[in-house]
Amino acid sequence: MITRKIPVSGEELPVIGLGTWQTFDVSGARAVDGLYQVLQRFAGLGGAVIDSSPMYGRSEAVTGQLLKRSGAPERFFIATKVWTQGERAGIEQMQASLEYLGDVQLMQVHNLVDAETHLRTLSRWKAEGRIRYLGITHYQESAYPELERYLARGGIDFVQFNYSLAERRAERRMLPLAAEQRAAVLINRPFAQGGMFARVRGRALPGWAAEIDCKSWAEVFLKYIVSHPAVTCAIPATADVQHLEDNMAAGVGRLPDEALRRRMAADWDKL
């Protein structure tokens, strides 16, 4: 698995992680058992980063349950978020997340909700060693100016936003600014909420896919993302072991160079 360094620490993370939005918001032994198989395969293929949020229903609780069941929660890099208004409410929510998940390496302000308040708390928590990293997130391009404002101030270890072949606006300013500010980058919506697969349904892979060791469209889409030097990790969500294996395959083998990235974007725009 290809890894990238967190700029502020040098710690290395695998470039393909695991999101939990919708997919881990489950109940019932059968559904949880299925997710345990996903988690075990994820670890076996070299995965580490798992991203969650209290906004995602039962996802934090289920993730925590699976981590304990794995017997080796320390192998994972756990990221979650605070998603509420007010200092006291934020602290209580984050404490609940820690109770669910155990050690949390990265705490992020979800969708910049009351970011000023929560970043002050997170700075204290980081200084106290309760978390290793702090970050900010959003999933819409309309929020880029606000994300940029916080990044430009400094002190942000991680920034998370949407980026894919279908949503490339981040290449103009967000990704260069993150590199300039030495912020690690997590990528959400790597498949544009699944809409990209509908666009290529029934289409054969392009000839150049073999040049970067791709056997599926999921690999093509993810390799475009993680080949950008500012990207630290993409976090596709899945509850399906076969889909997970496709996703993880994007983290090994050859990545597109800049010339092929331009061709990939041009070919996508023609679809």
Protein backbone atom coordinates (compact mmCIF):
# COMPACT_ATOMS: atom_id res chain seq x y z
CA MET A 1 0.00 0.00 0.00
CA ILE A 2 1.32 3.42 -0.98
CA THR A 3 1.64 5.77 1.98
CA ARG A 4 1.83 9.53 2.39
CA LYS A 5 3.32 11.52 5.24
CA ILE A 6 1.31 13.78 7.52
CA PRO A 7 3.23 17.03 6.96
CA VAL A 8 3.28 18.23 10.58
CA SER A 9 4.61 14.96 12.01
CA GLY A 10 6.03 12.73 9.30
CA GLU A 11 3.70 9.90 10.34
CA GLU A 12 2.75 7.84 7.30
CA LEU A 13 -0.78 6.84 6.34
CA PRO A 14 -2.00 4.47 3.62
CA VAL A 15 -3.56 6.43 0.75
CA ILE A 16 -6.86 4.50 0.81
CA GLY A 17 -8.98 4.68 3.95
CA LEU A 18 -12.53 3.79 4.92
CA GLY A 19 -15.47 6.13 5.34
CA THR A 20 -18.49 5.18 7.47
CA TRP A 21 -21.24 7.55 6.32
CA GLN A 22 -24.46 5.51 5.86
CA THR A 23 -22.57 2.21 5.49
CA PHE A 24 -21.83 1.79 9.23
CA ASP A 25 -25.15 3.18 10.45
CA VAL A 26 -26.62 -0.28 11.00
CA SER A 27 -28.17 -2.44 13.69
CA GLY A 28 -28.61 -6.17 14.02
CA ALA A 29 -26.02 -8.92 14.36
CA ARG A 30 -26.01 -9.90 10.68
CA ALA A 31 -25.26 -6.38 9.46
CA VAL A 32 -22.58 -5.87 12.10
CA ASP A 33 -20.99 -9.22 11.26
CA GLY A 34 -20.81 -8.17 7.61
CA LEU A 35 -19.04 -4.96 8.57
CA TYR A 36 -16.61 -6.92 10.70
CA GLN A 37 -15.59 -8.83 7.58
CA VAL A 38 -15.07 -5.50 5.82
CA LEU A 39 -12.91 -4.22 8.70
CA GLN A 40 -10.82 -7.37 8.80
CA ARG A 41 -10.23 -7.29 5.05
CA PHE A 42 -9.43 -3.58 5.23
CA ALA A 43 -6.74 -4.24 7.83
CA GLY A 44 -5.44 -7.26 5.92
CA LEU A 45 -4.96 -5.17 2.78
CA GLY A 46 -2.97 -2.52 4.64
CA GLY A 47 -5.70 -0.03 5.52
CA ALA A 48 -5.56 2.17 8.60
CA VAL A 49 -7.63 5.38 8.34
CA ILE A 50 -11.27 5.10 9.42
CA ASP A 51 -13.36 8.28 9.34
CA SER A 52 -16.64 8.74 11.21
CA SER A 53 -18.86 11.38 12.81
CA PRO A 54 -21.67 11.71 15.36
CA MET A 55 -23.72 12.95 12.41
CA TYR A 56 -23.61 9.42 10.96
CA GLY A 57 -26.19 7.86 13.29
CA ARG A 58 -24.88 4.64 14.84
CA SER A 59 -21.64 4.66 12.84
CA GLU A 60 -19.37 5.68 15.73
CA ALA A 61 -20.89 3.12 18.08
CA VAL A 62 -20.67 0.35 15.47
CA THR A 63 -17.11 1.29 14.55
CA GLY A 64 -16.09 1.21 18.20
CA GLN A 65 -17.72 -2.19 18.65
CA LEU A 66 -15.85 -3.56 15.63
CA LEU A 67 -12.53 -2.10 16.76
CA LYS A 68 -12.84 -3.84 20.13
CA ARG A 69 -13.84 -7.07 18.42
CA SER A 70 -10.76 -6.89 16.20
CA GLY A 71 -8.53 -7.27 19.25
CA ALA A 72 -6.02 -4.79 17.83
CA PRO A 73 -7.62 -1.33 17.64
CA GLU A 74 -4.16 0.25 17.78
CA ARG A 75 -3.51 -0.78 14.17
CA PHE A 76 -6.04 1.79 12.96
CA PHE A 77 -5.90 5.57 12.61
CA ILE A 78 -9.28 6.80 13.87
CA ALA A 79 -10.71 10.12 12.74
CA THR A 80 -14.03 11.51 13.84
CA LYS A 81 -15.70 14.90 14.19
CA VAL A 82 -17.54 17.36 16.39
CA TRP A 83 -20.87 18.48 14.98
CA THR A 84 -22.79 20.76 17.31
CA GLN A 85 -23.02 24.34 18.57
CA GLY A 86 -21.35 25.63 21.73
CA GLU A 87 -18.27 24.78 23.76
CA ARG A 88 -19.95 22.61 26.41
CA ALA A 89 -22.04 20.69 23.88
CA GLY A 90 -18.93 20.16 21.76
CA ILE A 91 -16.91 18.81 24.67
CA GLU A 92 -19.72 16.46 25.69
CA GLN A 93 -20.11 15.21 22.12
CA MET A 94 -16.38 14.60 21.71
CA GLN A 95 -16.18 12.80 25.05
CA ALA A 96 -19.00 10.54 23.86
CA SER A 97 -17.03 9.85 20.68
CA LEU A 98 -13.99 8.85 22.73
CA GLU A 99 -16.14 6.49 24.78
CA TYR A 100 -17.38 4.84 21.58
CA LEU A 101 -14.11 4.73 19.69
CA GLY A 102 -11.34 4.62 22.30
CA ASP A 103 -8.22 6.38 21.06
CA VAL A 104 -9.03 9.01 18.45
CA GLN A 105 -6.01 10.32 16.58
CA LEU A 106 -7.79 13.05 14.59
CA MET A 107 -10.74 15.18 15.71
CA GLN A 108 -12.26 17.41 13.03
CA VAL A 109 -14.86 20.18 13.01
CA HIS A 110 -17.63 18.72 10.86
CA ASN A 111 -18.77 21.05 8.07
CA LEU A 112 -17.22 23.97 9.99
CA VAL A 113 -20.14 24.04 12.46
CA ASP A 114 -19.13 26.54 15.19
CA ALA A 115 -15.53 26.11 14.06
CA GLU A 116 -14.07 28.98 16.08
CA THR A 117 -15.37 27.53 19.34
CA HIS A 118 -14.39 23.94 18.66
CA LEU A 119 -10.92 24.74 17.31
CA ARG A 120 -10.10 26.45 20.61
CA THR A 121 -11.14 23.29 22.46
CA LEU A 122 -9.25 21.07 20.05
CA SER A 123 -6.09 23.12 20.45
CA ARG A 124 -6.28 22.53 24.22
CA TRP A 125 -6.99 18.83 23.74
CA LYS A 126 -4.03 18.49 21.39
CA ALA A 127 -1.73 20.26 23.87
CA GLU A 128 -2.99 17.92 26.60
CA GLY A 129 -2.39 14.84 24.44
CA ARG A 130 -6.04 13.82 24.22
CA ILE A 131 -5.82 13.86 20.41
CA ARG A 132 -2.81 13.93 18.07
CA TYR A 133 -4.27 16.06 15.29
CA LEU A 134 -7.06 18.56 14.67
CA GLY A 135 -8.83 19.35 11.44
CA ILE A 136 -11.73 20.89 9.56
CA THR A 137 -14.10 19.37 7.01
CA HIS A 138 -16.74 20.09 4.42
CA TYR A 139 -18.24 18.23 1.47
CA GLN A 140 -19.40 21.08 -0.77
CA GLU A 141 -17.40 23.27 -3.14
CA SER A 142 -19.38 26.31 -1.95
CA ALA A 143 -17.54 25.99 1.39
CA TYR A 144 -14.05 26.20 -0.12
CA PRO A 145 -13.60 29.93 0.60
CA GLU A 146 -14.29 29.35 4.31
CA LEU A 147 -12.03 26.30 4.41
CA GLU A 148 -9.33 28.39 2.75
CA ARG A 149 -9.72 31.10 5.36
CA TYR A 150 -9.09 28.68 8.21
CA LEU A 151 -6.22 26.99 6.38
CA ALA A 152 -4.52 30.31 5.66
CA ARG A 153 -4.51 31.16 9.38
CA GLY A 154 -2.36 28.13 10.11
CA GLY A 155 -2.55 25.57 12.88
CA ILE A 156 -4.75 23.12 10.93
CA ASP A 157 -3.23 19.62 10.77
CA PHE A 158 -5.86 18.05 8.48
CA VAL A 159 -8.42 19.37 6.03
CA GLN A 160 -11.12 17.17 4.49
CA PHE A 161 -13.15 18.03 1.39
CA ASN A 162 -14.65 16.59 -1.79
CA TYR A 163 -12.51 15.85 -4.82
CA SER A 164 -12.83 13.48 -7.78
CA LEU A 165 -12.63 13.34 -11.55
CA ALA A 166 -16.20 14.65 -11.52
CA GLU A 167 -15.50 17.44 -8.99
CA ARG A 168 -12.09 18.94 -9.74
CA ARG A 169 -12.44 22.48 -8.44
CA ALA A 170 -10.20 21.62 -5.47
CA GLU A 171 -7.23 21.52 -7.86
CA ARG A 172 -7.42 25.30 -8.38
CA ARG A 173 -6.84 26.48 -4.83
CA MET A 174 -7.69 24.00 -2.06
CA LEU A 175 -5.04 21.40 -2.80
CA PRO A 176 -2.21 23.88 -3.45
CA LEU A 177 -3.11 25.82 -0.30
CA ALA A 178 -3.18 22.66 1.81
CA ALA A 179 0.32 21.79 0.56
CA GLU A 180 1.50 25.34 1.24
CA GLN A 181 0.11 25.25 4.80
CA ARG A 182 1.45 21.74 5.45
CA ALA A 183 -1.99 20.30 6.11
CA ALA A 184 -2.75 16.64 5.43
CA VAL A 185 -5.71 16.12 3.10
CA LEU A 186 -8.54 13.60 3.44
CA ILE A 187 -10.82 13.28 0.42
CA ASN A 188 -14.54 12.62 0.77
CA ARG A 189 -17.08 12.01 -2.04
CA PRO A 190 -14.39 10.24 -4.13
CA PHE A 191 -17.13 8.80 -6.36
CA ALA A 192 -19.37 11.90 -6.23
CA GLN A 193 -21.82 9.99 -4.03
CA GLY A 194 -21.77 7.06 -6.45
CA GLY A 195 -22.91 9.08 -9.44
CA MET A 196 -19.70 8.43 -11.33
CA PHE A 197 -20.44 4.73 -11.67
CA ALA A 198 -23.76 5.43 -13.37
CA ARG A 199 -21.90 7.51 -15.94
CA VAL A 200 -19.55 4.67 -16.90
CA ARG A 201 -22.01 1.77 -16.59
CA GLY A 202 -21.52 -0.61 -19.48
CA ARG A 203 -18.34 1.12 -20.66
CA ALA A 204 -15.07 -0.76 -20.99
CA LEU A 205 -12.03 0.63 -19.21
CA PRO A 206 -9.88 2.89 -21.40
CA GLY A 207 -6.71 1.41 -22.82
CA TRP A 208 -4.54 3.56 -20.57
CA ALA A 209 -6.04 1.93 -17.45
CA ALA A 210 -3.59 -0.95 -17.84
CA GLU A 211 -0.71 1.53 -17.68
CA ILE A 212 -1.63 2.23 -14.05
CA ASP A 213 -2.58 -1.34 -13.13
CA CYS A 214 -6.34 -0.67 -12.98
CA LYS A 215 -8.86 -3.46 -13.39
CA SER A 216 -11.98 -1.54 -12.33
CA TRP A 217 -13.50 1.91 -12.60
CA ALA A 218 -13.22 2.31 -8.82
CA GLU A 219 -9.45 1.94 -9.13
CA VAL A 220 -9.34 4.47 -11.96
CA PHE A 221 -11.35 7.02 -9.99
CA LEU A 222 -9.32 6.58 -6.81
CA LYS A 223 -5.93 6.54 -8.52
CA TYR A 224 -6.72 9.90 -10.09
CA ILE A 225 -7.34 11.30 -6.60
CA VAL A 226 -4.38 9.82 -4.74
CA SER A 227 -1.95 10.61 -7.56
CA HIS A 228 -2.26 14.29 -6.64
CA PRO A 229 0.78 14.97 -4.44
CA ALA A 230 -1.19 17.04 -1.91
CA VAL A 231 -3.67 14.23 -1.16
CA THR A 232 -2.91 12.15 1.91
CA CYS A 233 -5.80 9.68 1.91
CA ALA A 234 -9.13 9.09 0.15
CA ILE A 235 -11.93 7.67 2.30
CA PRO A 236 -14.52 5.81 0.19
CA ALA A 237 -17.32 4.27 2.26
CA THR A 238 -18.50 0.72 1.68
CA ALA A 239 -20.16 -2.17 3.46
CA ASP A 240 -19.24 -4.68 0.73
CA VAL A 241 -16.02 -6.71 0.86
CA GLN A 242 -15.68 -6.91 -2.94
CA HIS A 243 -16.09 -3.16 -3.30
CA LEU A 244 -13.54 -2.69 -0.53
CA GLU A 245 -11.05 -4.86 -2.40
CA ASP A 246 -11.55 -2.77 -5.54
CA ASN A 247 -10.98 0.40 -3.56
CA MET A 248 -7.89 -0.89 -1.81
CA ALA A 249 -6.35 -2.02 -5.10
CA ALA A 250 -6.07 1.66 -6.00
CA GLY A 251 -3.46 2.03 -3.27
CA VAL A 252 -0.95 -0.31 -4.90
CA GLY A 253 0.87 -0.37 -8.21
CA ARG A 254 1.54 2.50 -10.57
CA LEU A 255 -0.10 5.91 -10.31
CA PRO A 256 -0.78 8.26 -13.25
CA ASP A 257 1.79 10.93 -13.97
CA GLU A 258 0.72 14.50 -14.74
CA ALA A 259 0.34 13.85 -18.46
CA LEU A 260 -1.94 10.87 -17.87
CA ARG A 261 -3.91 12.80 -15.24
CA ARG A 262 -4.67 15.44 -17.86
CA ARG A 263 -5.78 12.73 -20.29
CA MET A 264 -7.97 11.10 -17.64
CA ALA A 265 -9.69 14.41 -16.95
CA ALA A 266 -10.18 15.11 -20.65
CA ASP A 267 -11.60 11.63 -21.27
CA TRP A 268 -13.96 11.99 -18.32
CA ASP A 269 -15.26 15.30 -19.63
CA LYS A 270 -16.09 13.63 -22.95
CA LEU A 271 -18.29 10.97 -21.38
